All heavy atoms as atom14 arrays in JSON, in Angstrom:
{
  "sequence": "EHQSSFLAQKPAAGQKQTTYYFAEIHYQCQAQQNAFVCDTPEGAT",
  "atom14_mask": [
    [1, 1, 1, 1, 1, 1, 1, 1, 1, 0, 0, 0, 0, 0],
    [1, 1, 1, 1, 1, 1, 1, 1, 1, 1, 0, 0, 0, 0],
    [1, 1, 1, 1, 1, 1, 1, 1, 1, 0, 0, 0, 0, 0],
    [1, 1, 1, 1, 1, 1, 0, 0, 0, 0, 0, 0, 0, 0],
    [1, 1, 1, 1, 1, 1, 0, 0, 0, 0, 0, 0, 0, 0],
    [1, 1, 1, 1, 1, 1, 1, 1, 1, 1, 1, 0, 0, 0],
    [1, 1, 1, 1, 1, 1, 1, 1, 0, 0, 0, 0, 0, 0],
    [1, 1, 1, 1, 1, 0, 0, 0, 0, 0, 0, 0, 0, 0],
    [1, 1, 1, 1, 1, 1, 1, 1, 1, 0, 0, 0, 0, 0],
    [1, 1, 1, 1, 1, 1, 1, 1, 1, 0, 0, 0, 0, 0],
    [1, 1, 1, 1, 1, 1, 1, 0, 0, 0, 0, 0, 0, 0],
    [1, 1, 1, 1, 1, 0, 0, 0, 0, 0, 0, 0, 0, 0],
    [1, 1, 1, 1, 1, 0, 0, 0, 0, 0, 0, 0, 0, 0],
    [1, 1, 1, 1, 0, 0, 0, 0, 0, 0, 0, 0, 0, 0],
    [1, 1, 1, 1, 1, 1, 1, 1, 1, 0, 0, 0, 0, 0],
    [1, 1, 1, 1, 1, 1, 1, 1, 1, 0, 0, 0, 0, 0],
    [1, 1, 1, 1, 1, 1, 1, 1, 1, 0, 0, 0, 0, 0],
    [1, 1, 1, 1, 1, 1, 1, 0, 0, 0, 0, 0, 0, 0],
    [1, 1, 1, 1, 1, 1, 1, 0, 0, 0, 0, 0, 0, 0],
    [1, 1, 1, 1, 1, 1, 1, 1, 1, 1, 1, 1, 0, 0],
    [1, 1, 1, 1, 1, 1, 1, 1, 1, 1, 1, 1, 0, 0],
    [1, 1, 1, 1, 1, 1, 1, 1, 1, 1, 1, 0, 0, 0],
    [1, 1, 1, 1, 1, 0, 0, 0, 0, 0, 0, 0, 0, 0],
    [1, 1, 1, 1, 1, 1, 1, 1, 1, 0, 0, 0, 0, 0],
    [1, 1, 1, 1, 1, 1, 1, 1, 0, 0, 0, 0, 0, 0],
    [1, 1, 1, 1, 1, 1, 1, 1, 1, 1, 0, 0, 0, 0],
    [1, 1, 1, 1, 1, 1, 1, 1, 1, 1, 1, 1, 0, 0],
    [1, 1, 1, 1, 1, 1, 1, 1, 1, 0, 0, 0, 0, 0],
    [1, 1, 1, 1, 1, 1, 0, 0, 0, 0, 0, 0, 0, 0],
    [1, 1, 1, 1, 1, 1, 1, 1, 1, 0, 0, 0, 0, 0],
    [1, 1, 1, 1, 1, 0, 0, 0, 0, 0, 0, 0, 0, 0],
    [1, 1, 1, 1, 1, 1, 1, 1, 1, 0, 0, 0, 0, 0],
    [1, 1, 1, 1, 1, 1, 1, 1, 1, 0, 0, 0, 0, 0],
    [1, 1, 1, 1, 1, 1, 1, 1, 0, 0, 0, 0, 0, 0],
    [1, 1, 1, 1, 1, 0, 0, 0, 0, 0, 0, 0, 0, 0],
    [1, 1, 1, 1, 1, 1, 1, 1, 1, 1, 1, 0, 0, 0],
    [1, 1, 1, 1, 1, 1, 1, 0, 0, 0, 0, 0, 0, 0],
    [1, 1, 1, 1, 1, 1, 0, 0, 0, 0, 0, 0, 0, 0],
    [1, 1, 1, 1, 1, 1, 1, 1, 0, 0, 0, 0, 0, 0],
    [1, 1, 1, 1, 1, 1, 1, 0, 0, 0, 0, 0, 0, 0],
    [1, 1, 1, 1, 1, 1, 1, 0, 0, 0, 0, 0, 0, 0],
    [1, 1, 1, 1, 1, 1, 1, 1, 1, 0, 0, 0, 0, 0],
    [1, 1, 1, 1, 0, 0, 0, 0, 0, 0, 0, 0, 0, 0],
    [1, 1, 1, 1, 1, 0, 0, 0, 0, 0, 0, 0, 0, 0],
    [1, 1, 1, 1, 1, 1, 1, 0, 0, 0, 0, 0, 0, 0]
  ],
  "atom14_positions": [
    [[-19.65, -12.51, -41.14], [-18.83, -12.14, -39.99], [-18.77, -13.22, -38.91], [-18.36, -12.94, -37.77], [-19.31, -10.82, -39.35], [-19.21, -9.63, -40.27], [-17.8, -9.36, -40.75], [-16.85, -9.65, -40.01], [-17.64, -8.88, -41.88], [0.0, 0.0, 0.0], [0.0, 0.0, 0.0], [0.0, 0.0, 0.0], [0.0, 0.0, 0.0], [0.0, 0.0, 0.0]],
    [[-19.17, -14.46, -39.22], [-19.0, -15.55, -38.27], [-17.51, -15.9, -38.21], [-16.85, -16.05, -39.23], [-19.82, -16.77, -38.69], [-21.29, -16.53, -38.69], [-22.16, -17.21, -39.51], [-22.05, -15.66, -37.97], [-23.39, -16.8, -39.3], [-23.36, -15.85, -38.38], [0.0, 0.0, 0.0], [0.0, 0.0, 0.0], [0.0, 0.0, 0.0], [0.0, 0.0, 0.0]],
    [[-17.0, -16.03, -37.0], [-15.57, -16.2, -36.77], [-15.27, -17.57, -36.17], [-15.96, -18.03, -35.27], [-15.09, -15.11, -35.81], [-13.66, -15.26, -35.33], [-13.31, -14.21, -34.29], [-13.64, -13.04, -34.43], [-12.65, -14.65, -33.22], [0.0, 0.0, 0.0], [0.0, 0.0, 0.0], [0.0, 0.0, 0.0], [0.0, 0.0, 0.0], [0.0, 0.0, 0.0]],
    [[-14.22, -18.22, -36.68], [-13.76, -19.49, -36.13], [-12.24, -19.48, -36.11], [-11.61, -19.04, -37.08], [-14.25, -20.66, -36.98], [-15.66, -20.69, -37.08], [0.0, 0.0, 0.0], [0.0, 0.0, 0.0], [0.0, 0.0, 0.0], [0.0, 0.0, 0.0], [0.0, 0.0, 0.0], [0.0, 0.0, 0.0], [0.0, 0.0, 0.0], [0.0, 0.0, 0.0]],
    [[-11.65, -19.97, -35.01], [-10.19, -20.0, -34.89], [-9.73, -21.43, -34.63], [-10.41, -22.2, -33.95], [-9.73, -19.08, -33.75], [-10.02, -17.73, -34.04], [0.0, 0.0, 0.0], [0.0, 0.0, 0.0], [0.0, 0.0, 0.0], [0.0, 0.0, 0.0], [0.0, 0.0, 0.0], [0.0, 0.0, 0.0], [0.0, 0.0, 0.0], [0.0, 0.0, 0.0]],
    [[-8.52, -21.74, -35.13], [-7.99, -23.09, -35.04], [-6.49, -23.02, -34.75], [-5.76, -22.26, -35.38], [-8.23, -23.85, -36.35], [-9.65, -23.8, -36.83], [-10.06, -22.8, -37.7], [-10.58, -24.73, -36.39], [-11.38, -22.73, -38.12], [-11.9, -24.67, -36.8], [-12.3, -23.66, -37.68], [0.0, 0.0, 0.0], [0.0, 0.0, 0.0], [0.0, 0.0, 0.0]],
    [[-6.06, -23.85, -33.8], [-4.65, -23.91, -33.45], [-3.97, -25.0, -34.26], [-4.49, -26.11, -34.39], [-4.49, -24.2, -31.95], [-3.09, -24.03, -31.36], [-2.65, -22.57, -31.4], [-3.05, -24.55, -29.94], [0.0, 0.0, 0.0], [0.0, 0.0, 0.0], [0.0, 0.0, 0.0], [0.0, 0.0, 0.0], [0.0, 0.0, 0.0], [0.0, 0.0, 0.0]],
    [[-2.79, -24.7, -34.8], [-2.06, -25.66, -35.61], [-1.61, -26.86, -34.78], [-1.36, -26.74, -33.58], [-0.85, -25.0, -36.26], [0.0, 0.0, 0.0], [0.0, 0.0, 0.0], [0.0, 0.0, 0.0], [0.0, 0.0, 0.0], [0.0, 0.0, 0.0], [0.0, 0.0, 0.0], [0.0, 0.0, 0.0], [0.0, 0.0, 0.0], [0.0, 0.0, 0.0]],
    [[-1.5, -28.0, -35.45], [-0.92, -29.16, -34.81], [0.6, -29.05, -34.84], [1.18, -28.42, -35.73], [-1.35, -30.44, -35.54], [-2.82, -30.76, -35.42], [-3.17, -32.05, -36.13], [-2.36, -32.65, -36.82], [-4.41, -32.49, -35.96], [0.0, 0.0, 0.0], [0.0, 0.0, 0.0], [0.0, 0.0, 0.0], [0.0, 0.0, 0.0], [0.0, 0.0, 0.0]],
    [[1.23, -29.66, -33.86], [2.69, -29.69, -33.82], [3.21, -30.49, -35.01], [2.71, -31.58, -35.3], [3.16, -30.32, -32.51], [4.67, -30.33, -32.32], [5.02, -30.91, -30.96], [6.52, -30.96, -30.75], [6.89, -31.51, -29.43], [0.0, 0.0, 0.0], [0.0, 0.0, 0.0], [0.0, 0.0, 0.0], [0.0, 0.0, 0.0], [0.0, 0.0, 0.0]],
    [[4.21, -29.96, -35.76], [4.76, -30.72, -36.89], [5.22, -32.11, -36.46], [5.85, -32.28, -35.42], [5.94, -29.86, -37.35], [5.59, -28.47, -36.9], [4.86, -28.64, -35.6], [0.0, 0.0, 0.0], [0.0, 0.0, 0.0], [0.0, 0.0, 0.0], [0.0, 0.0, 0.0], [0.0, 0.0, 0.0], [0.0, 0.0, 0.0], [0.0, 0.0, 0.0]],
    [[4.88, -33.1, -37.28], [5.25, -34.48, -36.97], [6.75, -34.68, -37.17], [7.42, -33.91, -37.86], [4.46, -35.43, -37.85], [0.0, 0.0, 0.0], [0.0, 0.0, 0.0], [0.0, 0.0, 0.0], [0.0, 0.0, 0.0], [0.0, 0.0, 0.0], [0.0, 0.0, 0.0], [0.0, 0.0, 0.0], [0.0, 0.0, 0.0], [0.0, 0.0, 0.0]],
    [[7.26, -35.74, -36.58], [8.68, -36.07, -36.74], [9.0, -36.26, -38.22], [8.28, -36.96, -38.94], [9.01, -37.34, -35.96], [0.0, 0.0, 0.0], [0.0, 0.0, 0.0], [0.0, 0.0, 0.0], [0.0, 0.0, 0.0], [0.0, 0.0, 0.0], [0.0, 0.0, 0.0], [0.0, 0.0, 0.0], [0.0, 0.0, 0.0], [0.0, 0.0, 0.0]],
    [[10.04, -35.61, -38.68], [10.43, -35.7, -40.08], [9.75, -34.68, -40.96], [10.15, -34.5, -42.12], [0.0, 0.0, 0.0], [0.0, 0.0, 0.0], [0.0, 0.0, 0.0], [0.0, 0.0, 0.0], [0.0, 0.0, 0.0], [0.0, 0.0, 0.0], [0.0, 0.0, 0.0], [0.0, 0.0, 0.0], [0.0, 0.0, 0.0], [0.0, 0.0, 0.0]],
    [[8.73, -34.0, -40.44], [8.04, -32.98, -41.22], [8.76, -31.64, -41.06], [9.35, -31.36, -40.02], [6.59, -32.84, -40.76], [5.74, -31.92, -41.63], [4.3, -31.85, -41.13], [4.06, -31.95, -39.93], [3.36, -31.68, -42.03], [0.0, 0.0, 0.0], [0.0, 0.0, 0.0], [0.0, 0.0, 0.0], [0.0, 0.0, 0.0], [0.0, 0.0, 0.0]],
    [[8.71, -30.82, -42.08], [9.32, -29.5, -41.99], [8.73, -28.73, -40.82], [7.52, -28.73, -40.6], [9.09, -28.72, -43.29], [9.87, -29.25, -44.49], [9.65, -28.36, -45.69], [10.45, -28.85, -46.89], [10.23, -27.99, -48.08], [0.0, 0.0, 0.0], [0.0, 0.0, 0.0], [0.0, 0.0, 0.0], [0.0, 0.0, 0.0], [0.0, 0.0, 0.0]],
    [[9.6, -28.06, -40.06], [9.14, -27.33, -38.9], [8.39, -26.06, -39.26], [7.87, -25.37, -38.39], [10.34, -26.99, -38.0], [11.01, -28.2, -37.38], [10.05, -29.0, -36.51], [9.52, -28.48, -35.53], [9.82, -30.25, -36.86], [0.0, 0.0, 0.0], [0.0, 0.0, 0.0], [0.0, 0.0, 0.0], [0.0, 0.0, 0.0], [0.0, 0.0, 0.0]],
    [[8.32, -25.73, -40.54], [7.56, -24.56, -40.98], [6.31, -24.97, -41.75], [5.72, -24.17, -42.48], [8.44, -23.66, -41.86], [9.0, -24.43, -42.93], [9.55, -23.03, -41.05], [0.0, 0.0, 0.0], [0.0, 0.0, 0.0], [0.0, 0.0, 0.0], [0.0, 0.0, 0.0], [0.0, 0.0, 0.0], [0.0, 0.0, 0.0], [0.0, 0.0, 0.0]],
    [[5.89, -26.23, -41.62], [4.64, -26.7, -42.19], [3.66, -27.01, -41.05], [4.0, -27.75, -40.13], [4.86, -27.97, -43.04], [5.74, -27.66, -44.13], [3.54, -28.49, -43.6], [0.0, 0.0, 0.0], [0.0, 0.0, 0.0], [0.0, 0.0, 0.0], [0.0, 0.0, 0.0], [0.0, 0.0, 0.0], [0.0, 0.0, 0.0], [0.0, 0.0, 0.0]],
    [[2.45, -26.46, -41.14], [1.48, -26.61, -40.06], [0.15, -27.1, -40.62], [-0.28, -26.69, -41.7], [1.28, -25.27, -39.33], [2.56, -24.75, -38.72], [3.32, -23.79, -39.38], [3.02, -25.23, -37.5], [4.5, -23.32, -38.83], [4.2, -24.77, -36.94], [4.94, -23.82, -37.62], [6.1, -23.36, -37.08], [0.0, 0.0, 0.0], [0.0, 0.0, 0.0]],
    [[-0.49, -27.98, -39.85], [-1.75, -28.59, -40.27], [-2.85, -28.21, -39.29], [-2.68, -28.32, -38.08], [-1.61, -30.11, -40.35], [-2.83, -30.81, -40.91], [-3.33, -30.46, -42.16], [-3.47, -31.81, -40.2], [-4.45, -31.09, -42.69], [-4.58, -32.46, -40.72], [-5.06, -32.09, -41.96], [-6.17, -32.73, -42.48], [0.0, 0.0, 0.0], [0.0, 0.0, 0.0]],
    [[-3.98, -27.75, -39.84], [-5.14, -27.39, -39.05], [-6.22, -28.43, -39.36], [-6.94, -28.32, -40.36], [-5.61, -25.97, -39.39], [-4.54, -24.92, -39.15], [-3.62, -24.62, -40.15], [-4.47, -24.25, -37.94], [-2.64, -23.66, -39.93], [-3.49, -23.29, -37.72], [-2.57, -23.0, -38.72], [0.0, 0.0, 0.0], [0.0, 0.0, 0.0], [0.0, 0.0, 0.0]],
    [[-6.29, -29.45, -38.52], [-7.05, -30.66, -38.84], [-8.53, -30.4, -39.02], [-9.18, -30.99, -39.89], [-6.82, -31.72, -37.76], [0.0, 0.0, 0.0], [0.0, 0.0, 0.0], [0.0, 0.0, 0.0], [0.0, 0.0, 0.0], [0.0, 0.0, 0.0], [0.0, 0.0, 0.0], [0.0, 0.0, 0.0], [0.0, 0.0, 0.0], [0.0, 0.0, 0.0]],
    [[-9.11, -29.52, -38.18], [-10.57, -29.34, -38.2], [-11.08, -28.84, -39.56], [-12.21, -29.14, -39.95], [-11.01, -28.36, -37.11], [-10.72, -28.82, -35.69], [-9.38, -28.34, -35.19], [-8.48, -28.06, -36.03], [-9.21, -28.22, -33.97], [0.0, 0.0, 0.0], [0.0, 0.0, 0.0], [0.0, 0.0, 0.0], [0.0, 0.0, 0.0], [0.0, 0.0, 0.0]],
    [[-10.25, -28.07, -40.26], [-10.7, -27.52, -41.54], [-9.83, -28.0, -42.71], [-9.99, -27.54, -43.84], [-10.7, -25.98, -41.5], [-9.34, -25.45, -41.04], [-11.83, -25.47, -40.64], [-9.22, -23.95, -41.11], [0.0, 0.0, 0.0], [0.0, 0.0, 0.0], [0.0, 0.0, 0.0], [0.0, 0.0, 0.0], [0.0, 0.0, 0.0], [0.0, 0.0, 0.0]],
    [[-8.91, -28.93, -42.43], [-8.08, -29.54, -43.47], [-7.26, -28.49, -44.24], [-7.16, -28.53, -45.46], [-8.94, -30.35, -44.44], [-9.78, -31.4, -43.76], [-9.24, -32.5, -43.14], [-11.13, -31.48, -43.57], [-10.21, -33.23, -42.62], [-11.36, -32.63, -42.86], [0.0, 0.0, 0.0], [0.0, 0.0, 0.0], [0.0, 0.0, 0.0], [0.0, 0.0, 0.0]],
    [[-6.69, -27.56, -43.48], [-5.74, -26.59, -44.05], [-4.33, -27.06, -43.71], [-4.05, -27.42, -42.57], [-5.94, -25.21, -43.42], [-6.93, -24.29, -44.09], [-8.21, -24.74, -44.43], [-6.61, -22.96, -44.37], [-9.13, -23.89, -45.02], [-7.53, -22.11, -44.95], [-8.78, -22.57, -45.28], [-9.69, -21.72, -45.86], [0.0, 0.0, 0.0], [0.0, 0.0, 0.0]],
    [[-3.45, -27.03, -44.7], [-2.02, -27.25, -44.44], [-1.27, -26.04, -44.97], [-1.33, -25.72, -46.16], [-1.53, -28.52, -45.12], [-0.04, -28.78, -44.86], [0.39, -30.17, -45.29], [0.0, -31.17, -44.69], [1.2, -30.24, -46.33], [0.0, 0.0, 0.0], [0.0, 0.0, 0.0], [0.0, 0.0, 0.0], [0.0, 0.0, 0.0], [0.0, 0.0, 0.0]],
    [[-0.54, -25.36, -44.07], [0.1, -24.1, -44.41], [1.62, -24.24, -44.34], [2.16, -24.67, -43.32], [-0.37, -22.99, -43.48], [-2.16, -22.67, -43.59], [0.0, 0.0, 0.0], [0.0, 0.0, 0.0], [0.0, 0.0, 0.0], [0.0, 0.0, 0.0], [0.0, 0.0, 0.0], [0.0, 0.0, 0.0], [0.0, 0.0, 0.0], [0.0, 0.0, 0.0]],
    [[2.26, -23.85, -45.43], [3.71, -23.93, -45.55], [4.29, -22.52, -45.57], [3.87, -21.68, -46.37], [4.1, -24.65, -46.84], [5.58, -24.57, -47.19], [6.44, -25.37, -46.23], [6.16, -26.53, -45.96], [7.49, -24.76, -45.72], [0.0, 0.0, 0.0], [0.0, 0.0, 0.0], [0.0, 0.0, 0.0], [0.0, 0.0, 0.0], [0.0, 0.0, 0.0]],
    [[5.23, -22.25, -44.66], [5.85, -20.94, -44.6], [6.79, -20.74, -45.77], [7.56, -21.64, -46.14], [6.61, -20.78, -43.29], [0.0, 0.0, 0.0], [0.0, 0.0, 0.0], [0.0, 0.0, 0.0], [0.0, 0.0, 0.0], [0.0, 0.0, 0.0], [0.0, 0.0, 0.0], [0.0, 0.0, 0.0], [0.0, 0.0, 0.0], [0.0, 0.0, 0.0]],
    [[6.7, -19.56, -46.37], [7.63, -19.13, -47.4], [8.12, -17.74, -47.03], [7.77, -17.22, -45.97], [6.96, -19.13, -48.77], [6.49, -20.5, -49.23], [5.9, -20.49, -50.62], [5.79, -19.45, -51.27], [5.51, -21.66, -51.1], [0.0, 0.0, 0.0], [0.0, 0.0, 0.0], [0.0, 0.0, 0.0], [0.0, 0.0, 0.0], [0.0, 0.0, 0.0]],
    [[8.92, -17.13, -47.87], [9.44, -15.81, -47.55], [8.31, -14.79, -47.51], [7.64, -14.54, -48.51], [10.5, -15.37, -48.58], [11.17, -14.05, -48.23], [12.28, -13.71, -49.21], [12.45, -14.38, -50.22], [13.04, -12.69, -48.91], [0.0, 0.0, 0.0], [0.0, 0.0, 0.0], [0.0, 0.0, 0.0], [0.0, 0.0, 0.0], [0.0, 0.0, 0.0]],
    [[8.08, -14.21, -46.33], [7.06, -13.18, -46.12], [5.65, -13.65, -46.46], [4.78, -12.83, -46.8], [7.38, -11.92, -46.92], [8.66, -11.26, -46.47], [8.96, -11.21, -45.28], [9.44, -10.75, -47.41], [0.0, 0.0, 0.0], [0.0, 0.0, 0.0], [0.0, 0.0, 0.0], [0.0, 0.0, 0.0], [0.0, 0.0, 0.0], [0.0, 0.0, 0.0]],
    [[5.4, -14.96, -46.39], [4.08, -15.47, -46.73], [3.9, -16.87, -46.19], [4.86, -17.55, -45.81], [3.88, -15.47, -48.24], [0.0, 0.0, 0.0], [0.0, 0.0, 0.0], [0.0, 0.0, 0.0], [0.0, 0.0, 0.0], [0.0, 0.0, 0.0], [0.0, 0.0, 0.0], [0.0, 0.0, 0.0], [0.0, 0.0, 0.0], [0.0, 0.0, 0.0]],
    [[2.62, -17.3, -46.13], [2.26, -18.69, -45.9], [1.36, -19.11, -47.07], [0.43, -18.39, -47.43], [1.49, -18.87, -44.59], [2.35, -19.02, -43.38], [2.84, -17.89, -42.73], [2.68, -20.26, -42.88], [3.64, -18.01, -41.6], [3.48, -20.39, -41.76], [3.96, -19.26, -41.11], [0.0, 0.0, 0.0], [0.0, 0.0, 0.0], [0.0, 0.0, 0.0]],
    [[1.65, -20.26, -47.65], [0.79, -20.83, -48.69], [0.03, -21.99, -48.08], [0.63, -22.96, -47.61], [1.61, -21.29, -49.9], [0.7, -21.98, -50.93], [2.33, -20.11, -50.54], [0.0, 0.0, 0.0], [0.0, 0.0, 0.0], [0.0, 0.0, 0.0], [0.0, 0.0, 0.0], [0.0, 0.0, 0.0], [0.0, 0.0, 0.0], [0.0, 0.0, 0.0]],
    [[-1.3, -21.87, -48.09], [-2.15, -22.87, -47.44], [-2.91, -23.68, -48.48], [-3.62, -23.11, -49.33], [-3.15, -22.19, -46.51], [-2.38, -21.28, -45.14], [0.0, 0.0, 0.0], [0.0, 0.0, 0.0], [0.0, 0.0, 0.0], [0.0, 0.0, 0.0], [0.0, 0.0, 0.0], [0.0, 0.0, 0.0], [0.0, 0.0, 0.0], [0.0, 0.0, 0.0]],
    [[-2.74, -25.0, -48.44], [-3.54, -25.9, -49.25], [-4.84, -26.16, -48.51], [-4.84, -26.61, -47.36], [-2.8, -27.21, -49.49], [-1.6, -27.04, -50.41], [-1.66, -26.17, -51.3], [-0.6, -27.75, -50.21], [0.0, 0.0, 0.0], [0.0, 0.0, 0.0], [0.0, 0.0, 0.0], [0.0, 0.0, 0.0], [0.0, 0.0, 0.0], [0.0, 0.0, 0.0]],
    [[-5.97, -25.88, -49.17], [-7.28, -26.01, -48.56], [-8.16, -26.9, -49.44], [-7.8, -27.17, -50.59], [-7.95, -24.63, -48.4], [-8.52, -24.23, -49.67], [-6.94, -23.56, -47.96], [0.0, 0.0, 0.0], [0.0, 0.0, 0.0], [0.0, 0.0, 0.0], [0.0, 0.0, 0.0], [0.0, 0.0, 0.0], [0.0, 0.0, 0.0], [0.0, 0.0, 0.0]],
    [[-9.3, -27.38, -48.94], [-10.19, -28.18, -49.79], [-10.67, -27.45, -51.03], [-11.08, -28.08, -52.01], [-11.36, -28.49, -48.84], [-10.76, -28.43, -47.48], [-9.74, -27.34, -47.53], [0.0, 0.0, 0.0], [0.0, 0.0, 0.0], [0.0, 0.0, 0.0], [0.0, 0.0, 0.0], [0.0, 0.0, 0.0], [0.0, 0.0, 0.0], [0.0, 0.0, 0.0]],
    [[-10.61, -26.09, -51.02], [-11.05, -25.28, -52.15], [-9.89, -24.81, -53.02], [-10.09, -24.04, -53.95], [-11.86, -24.07, -51.66], [-13.25, -24.39, -51.16], [-13.24, -25.19, -49.86], [-12.56, -24.75, -48.91], [-13.89, -26.24, -49.82], [0.0, 0.0, 0.0], [0.0, 0.0, 0.0], [0.0, 0.0, 0.0], [0.0, 0.0, 0.0], [0.0, 0.0, 0.0]],
    [[-8.66, -25.22, -52.71], [-7.52, -24.81, -53.5], [-6.47, -24.1, -52.65], [-6.63, -23.94, -51.43], [0.0, 0.0, 0.0], [0.0, 0.0, 0.0], [0.0, 0.0, 0.0], [0.0, 0.0, 0.0], [0.0, 0.0, 0.0], [0.0, 0.0, 0.0], [0.0, 0.0, 0.0], [0.0, 0.0, 0.0], [0.0, 0.0, 0.0], [0.0, 0.0, 0.0]],
    [[-5.4, -23.66, -53.29], [-4.31, -23.02, -52.58], [-4.62, -21.54, -52.34], [-5.19, -20.86, -53.2], [-3.01, -23.15, -53.37], [0.0, 0.0, 0.0], [0.0, 0.0, 0.0], [0.0, 0.0, 0.0], [0.0, 0.0, 0.0], [0.0, 0.0, 0.0], [0.0, 0.0, 0.0], [0.0, 0.0, 0.0], [0.0, 0.0, 0.0], [0.0, 0.0, 0.0]],
    [[-4.21, -21.05, -51.17], [-4.39, -19.65, -50.8], [-3.07, -19.12, -50.26], [-2.44, -19.75, -49.41], [-5.48, -19.49, -49.73], [-6.74, -19.93, -50.27], [-5.61, -18.03, -49.3], [0.0, 0.0, 0.0], [0.0, 0.0, 0.0], [0.0, 0.0, 0.0], [0.0, 0.0, 0.0], [0.0, 0.0, 0.0], [0.0, 0.0, 0.0], [0.0, 0.0, 0.0]]
  ]
}
């Protein structure tokens, strides 16, 4: 039950405006229809 929260970085110029990067934990989340797919160090979620 340890909790940690992270604010996304602003999408870089030329990057899709629905792709967000959470640098502290190396998550990159891409918006899809009714979902977000996040690439993580342990695989996609």
